[in-house]
């Protein structure tokens, strides 16, 4: 029997958010790679590598919207969940229009995030082989 792990990429300029989400999601059995900038993410993770991206909107340098524009075409094997502390309701509409799986406003419920991740993997049929 082949064991599989679901790969999660976290991109958030706040290191404490990266650490907290990493610790949380590891307890649910996910494989985590966290990056404090989109530039670091793109320099390490090839477009061909599947996984779910948890992405902050407001970051210095390449922000969440720029990151979305640089991802492989819609329908690829990398679904995106946006997280943000911004209370602007227009962000939710903009994010969903951009094709993300979901939008969570910080602080959010842990189970909501896990549920969205599971939906993302089910909808995309993504399963990564354990490393």
C-alpha atoms as a PDB file:
ATOM      1  CA  UNK A   1       0.000   0.000   0.000  1.00  0.00           C
ATOM      2  CA  UNK A   2       1.386   3.398  -1.040  1.00  0.00           C
ATOM      3  CA  UNK A   3       1.188   6.040   1.662  1.00  0.00           C
ATOM      4  CA  UNK A   4       0.333   9.533   0.470  1.00  0.00           C
ATOM      5  CA  UNK A   5       0.708  12.941   2.040  1.00  0.00           C
ATOM      6  CA  UNK A   6      -1.005  16.108   0.953  1.00  0.00           C
ATOM      7  CA  UNK A   7       1.500  18.896   0.255  1.00  0.00           C
ATOM      8  CA  UNK A   8       0.709  22.364   1.571  1.00  0.00           C
ATOM      9  CA  UNK A   9       2.679  25.504   0.747  1.00  0.00           C
ATOM     10  CA  UNK A  10       2.246  28.474   3.075  1.00  0.00           C
ATOM     11  CA  UNK A  11       3.283  31.904   1.805  1.00  0.00           C
ATOM     12  CA  UNK A  12       2.950  34.637   4.435  1.00  0.00           C
ATOM     13  CA  UNK A  13       5.433  37.363   5.339  1.00  0.00           C
ATOM     14  CA  UNK A  14       4.641  36.897   9.043  1.00  0.00           C
ATOM     15  CA  UNK A  15       6.969  34.161  10.316  1.00  0.00           C
ATOM     16  CA  UNK A  16       4.738  33.506  13.339  1.00  0.00           C
ATOM     17  CA  UNK A  17       1.791  32.758  11.030  1.00  0.00           C
ATOM     18  CA  UNK A  18       3.988  30.388   8.997  1.00  0.00           C
ATOM     19  CA  UNK A  19       5.088  28.582  12.166  1.00  0.00           C
ATOM     20  CA  UNK A  20       1.610  28.380  13.686  1.00  0.00           C
ATOM     21  CA  UNK A  21      -0.028  27.118  10.487  1.00  0.00           C
ATOM     22  CA  UNK A  22       2.798  24.636   9.934  1.00  0.00           C
ATOM     23  CA  UNK A  23       2.423  23.194  13.437  1.00  0.00           C
ATOM     24  CA  UNK A  24      -1.356  23.014  13.089  1.00  0.00           C
ATOM     25  CA  UNK A  25      -1.396  21.373   9.669  1.00  0.00           C
ATOM     26  CA  UNK A  26       1.303  18.816  10.489  1.00  0.00           C
ATOM     27  CA  UNK A  27      -1.021  17.507  13.222  1.00  0.00           C
ATOM     28  CA  UNK A  28      -3.585  16.816  10.479  1.00  0.00           C
ATOM     29  CA  UNK A  29      -1.060  14.792   8.496  1.00  0.00           C
ATOM     30  CA  UNK A  30      -0.174  17.348   5.839  1.00  0.00           C
ATOM     31  CA  UNK A  31       3.338  17.912   4.519  1.00  0.00           C
ATOM     32  CA  UNK A  32       4.241  21.582   4.928  1.00  0.00           C
ATOM     33  CA  UNK A  33       6.698  23.962   3.297  1.00  0.00           C
ATOM     34  CA  UNK A  34       6.457  27.578   4.470  1.00  0.00           C
ATOM     35  CA  UNK A  35       7.887  30.690   2.825  1.00  0.00           C
ATOM     36  CA  UNK A  36       8.016  34.289   4.047  1.00  0.00           C
ATOM     37  CA  UNK A  37       7.834  35.677   0.507  1.00  0.00           C
ATOM     38  CA  UNK A  38       6.341  34.706  -2.816  1.00  0.00           C
ATOM     39  CA  UNK A  39       9.738  35.179  -4.414  1.00  0.00           C
ATOM     40  CA  UNK A  40      11.224  32.483  -2.145  1.00  0.00           C
ATOM     41  CA  UNK A  41       8.300  30.178  -2.931  1.00  0.00           C
ATOM     42  CA  UNK A  42       8.749  30.552  -6.692  1.00  0.00           C
ATOM     43  CA  UNK A  43      12.516  30.076  -6.449  1.00  0.00           C
ATOM     44  CA  UNK A  44      12.137  26.758  -4.598  1.00  0.00           C
ATOM     45  CA  UNK A  45       8.926  25.137  -5.880  1.00  0.00           C
ATOM     46  CA  UNK A  46       8.699  24.306  -9.602  1.00  0.00           C
ATOM     47  CA  UNK A  47       5.357  24.931 -11.340  1.00  0.00           C
ATOM     48  CA  UNK A  48       5.046  21.206 -12.047  1.00  0.00           C
ATOM     49  CA  UNK A  49       4.963  20.258  -8.346  1.00  0.00           C
ATOM     50  CA  UNK A  50       1.386  19.896  -7.056  1.00  0.00           C
ATOM     51  CA  UNK A  51       0.046  20.998  -3.694  1.00  0.00           C
ATOM     52  CA  UNK A  52      -2.316  23.459  -2.082  1.00  0.00           C
ATOM     53  CA  UNK A  53      -1.120  27.038  -1.603  1.00  0.00           C
ATOM     54  CA  UNK A  54      -2.192  29.036   1.450  1.00  0.00           C
ATOM     55  CA  UNK A  55      -1.448  32.609   0.469  1.00  0.00           C
ATOM     56  CA  UNK A  56      -1.496  35.928   2.328  1.00  0.00           C
ATOM     57  CA  UNK A  57      -2.716  38.890   0.287  1.00  0.00           C
ATOM     58  CA  UNK A  58      -0.667  41.740   1.741  1.00  0.00           C
ATOM     59  CA  UNK A  59       3.073  41.084   1.577  1.00  0.00           C
ATOM     60  CA  UNK A  60       6.039  43.247   0.636  1.00  0.00           C
ATOM     61  CA  UNK A  61       7.481  42.592  -2.783  1.00  0.00           C
ATOM     62  CA  UNK A  62       5.279  40.244  -4.774  1.00  0.00           C
ATOM     63  CA  UNK A  63       1.906  40.384  -3.010  1.00  0.00           C
ATOM     64  CA  UNK A  64      -0.867  37.789  -3.111  1.00  0.00           C
ATOM     65  CA  UNK A  65      -2.458  39.157  -6.280  1.00  0.00           C
ATOM     66  CA  UNK A  66       0.874  39.177  -8.114  1.00  0.00           C
ATOM     67  CA  UNK A  67       1.515  35.663  -6.876  1.00  0.00           C
ATOM     68  CA  UNK A  68      -1.831  34.492  -8.260  1.00  0.00           C
ATOM     69  CA  UNK A  69      -0.972  35.993 -11.660  1.00  0.00           C
ATOM     70  CA  UNK A  70       2.342  34.085 -11.677  1.00  0.00           C
ATOM     71  CA  UNK A  71       0.852  30.687 -10.861  1.00  0.00           C
ATOM     72  CA  UNK A  72       0.219  28.085 -13.571  1.00  0.00           C
ATOM     73  CA  UNK A  73      -3.040  28.413 -15.472  1.00  0.00           C
ATOM     74  CA  UNK A  74      -6.386  27.810 -13.751  1.00  0.00           C
ATOM     75  CA  UNK A  75      -7.220  24.133 -13.513  1.00  0.00           C
ATOM     76  CA  UNK A  76      -3.636  23.332 -12.590  1.00  0.00           C
ATOM     77  CA  UNK A  77      -2.828  21.051  -9.708  1.00  0.00           C
ATOM     78  CA  UNK A  78      -2.176  23.883  -7.259  1.00  0.00           C
ATOM     79  CA  UNK A  79      -5.393  25.230  -5.700  1.00  0.00           C
ATOM     80  CA  UNK A  80      -5.138  28.411  -3.613  1.00  0.00           C
ATOM     81  CA  UNK A  81      -6.674  29.493  -0.320  1.00  0.00           C
ATOM     82  CA  UNK A  82      -6.293  33.188   0.484  1.00  0.00           C
ATOM     83  CA  UNK A  83      -5.822  34.351   4.078  1.00  0.00           C
ATOM     84  CA  UNK A  84      -5.840  37.988   5.131  1.00  0.00           C
ATOM     85  CA  UNK A  85      -6.333  40.228   8.144  1.00  0.00           C
ATOM     86  CA  UNK A  86      -7.837  42.866   5.832  1.00  0.00           C
ATOM     87  CA  UNK A  87     -11.519  43.427   6.598  1.00  0.00           C
ATOM     88  CA  UNK A  88     -12.353  44.794   3.132  1.00  0.00           C
ATOM     89  CA  UNK A  89     -15.307  42.712   1.890  1.00  0.00           C
ATOM     90  CA  UNK A  90     -14.292  43.442  -1.698  1.00  0.00           C
ATOM     91  CA  UNK A  91     -11.238  41.233  -1.229  1.00  0.00           C
ATOM     92  CA  UNK A  92     -13.409  38.151  -0.865  1.00  0.00           C
ATOM     93  CA  UNK A  93     -15.162  38.843  -4.169  1.00  0.00           C
ATOM     94  CA  UNK A  94     -11.864  39.600  -5.885  1.00  0.00           C
ATOM     95  CA  UNK A  95     -10.270  36.414  -4.546  1.00  0.00           C
ATOM     96  CA  UNK A  96     -13.161  34.165  -5.552  1.00  0.00           C
ATOM     97  CA  UNK A  97     -13.295  35.810  -8.968  1.00  0.00           C
ATOM     98  CA  UNK A  98      -9.585  34.994  -9.332  1.00  0.00           C
ATOM     99  CA  UNK A  99     -10.456  31.308  -8.916  1.00  0.00           C
ATOM    100  CA  UNK A 100      -9.265  30.582  -5.386  1.00  0.00           C
ATOM    101  CA  UNK A 101     -10.831  27.739  -3.403  1.00  0.00           C
ATOM    102  CA  UNK A 102     -11.664  29.987  -0.485  1.00  0.00           C
ATOM    103  CA  UNK A 103     -10.897  33.114   1.521  1.00  0.00           C
ATOM    104  CA  UNK A 104     -10.355  33.179   5.282  1.00  0.00           C
ATOM    105  CA  UNK A 105     -10.082  36.324   7.335  1.00  0.00           C
ATOM    106  CA  UNK A 106      -7.470  36.230  10.111  1.00  0.00           C
ATOM    107  CA  UNK A 107      -7.954  35.128  12.786  1.00  0.00           C
ATOM    108  CA  UNK A 108      -9.867  32.121  11.489  1.00  0.00           C
ATOM    109  CA  UNK A 109     -11.083  28.833  12.867  1.00  0.00           C
ATOM    110  CA  UNK A 110      -8.560  26.004  12.429  1.00  0.00           C
ATOM    111  CA  UNK A 111     -11.226  23.562  11.289  1.00  0.00           C
ATOM    112  CA  UNK A 112     -12.418  25.981   8.587  1.00  0.00           C
ATOM    113  CA  UNK A 113      -8.924  25.985   7.118  1.00  0.00           C
ATOM    114  CA  UNK A 114      -8.587  22.204   7.265  1.00  0.00           C
ATOM    115  CA  UNK A 115     -12.021  21.801   5.658  1.00  0.00           C
ATOM    116  CA  UNK A 116     -11.067  24.177   2.826  1.00  0.00           C
ATOM    117  CA  UNK A 117      -7.799  22.324   2.257  1.00  0.00           C
ATOM    118  CA  UNK A 118      -9.645  19.005   2.058  1.00  0.00           C
ATOM    119  CA  UNK A 119     -12.135  20.506  -0.402  1.00  0.00           C
ATOM    120  CA  UNK A 120      -9.240  21.807  -2.498  1.00  0.00           C
ATOM    121  CA  UNK A 121      -7.636  18.372  -2.679  1.00  0.00           C
ATOM    122  CA  UNK A 122     -10.929  16.613  -3.410  1.00  0.00           C
ATOM    123  CA  UNK A 123     -11.845  19.064  -6.177  1.00  0.00           C
ATOM    124  CA  UNK A 124      -8.432  18.900  -7.825  1.00  0.00           C
ATOM    125  CA  UNK A 125      -7.825  15.202  -7.266  1.00  0.00           C
ATOM    126  CA  UNK A 126      -4.377  15.985  -5.888  1.00  0.00           C
ATOM    127  CA  UNK A 127      -2.364  13.429  -3.999  1.00  0.00           C
ATOM    128  CA  UNK A 128       1.373  13.672  -3.563  1.00  0.00           C
ATOM    129  CA  UNK A 129       3.533  10.659  -2.891  1.00  0.00           C
ATOM    130  CA  UNK A 130       5.167  10.759   0.524  1.00  0.00           C
ATOM    131  CA  UNK A 131       8.708  12.101   0.392  1.00  0.00           C
END
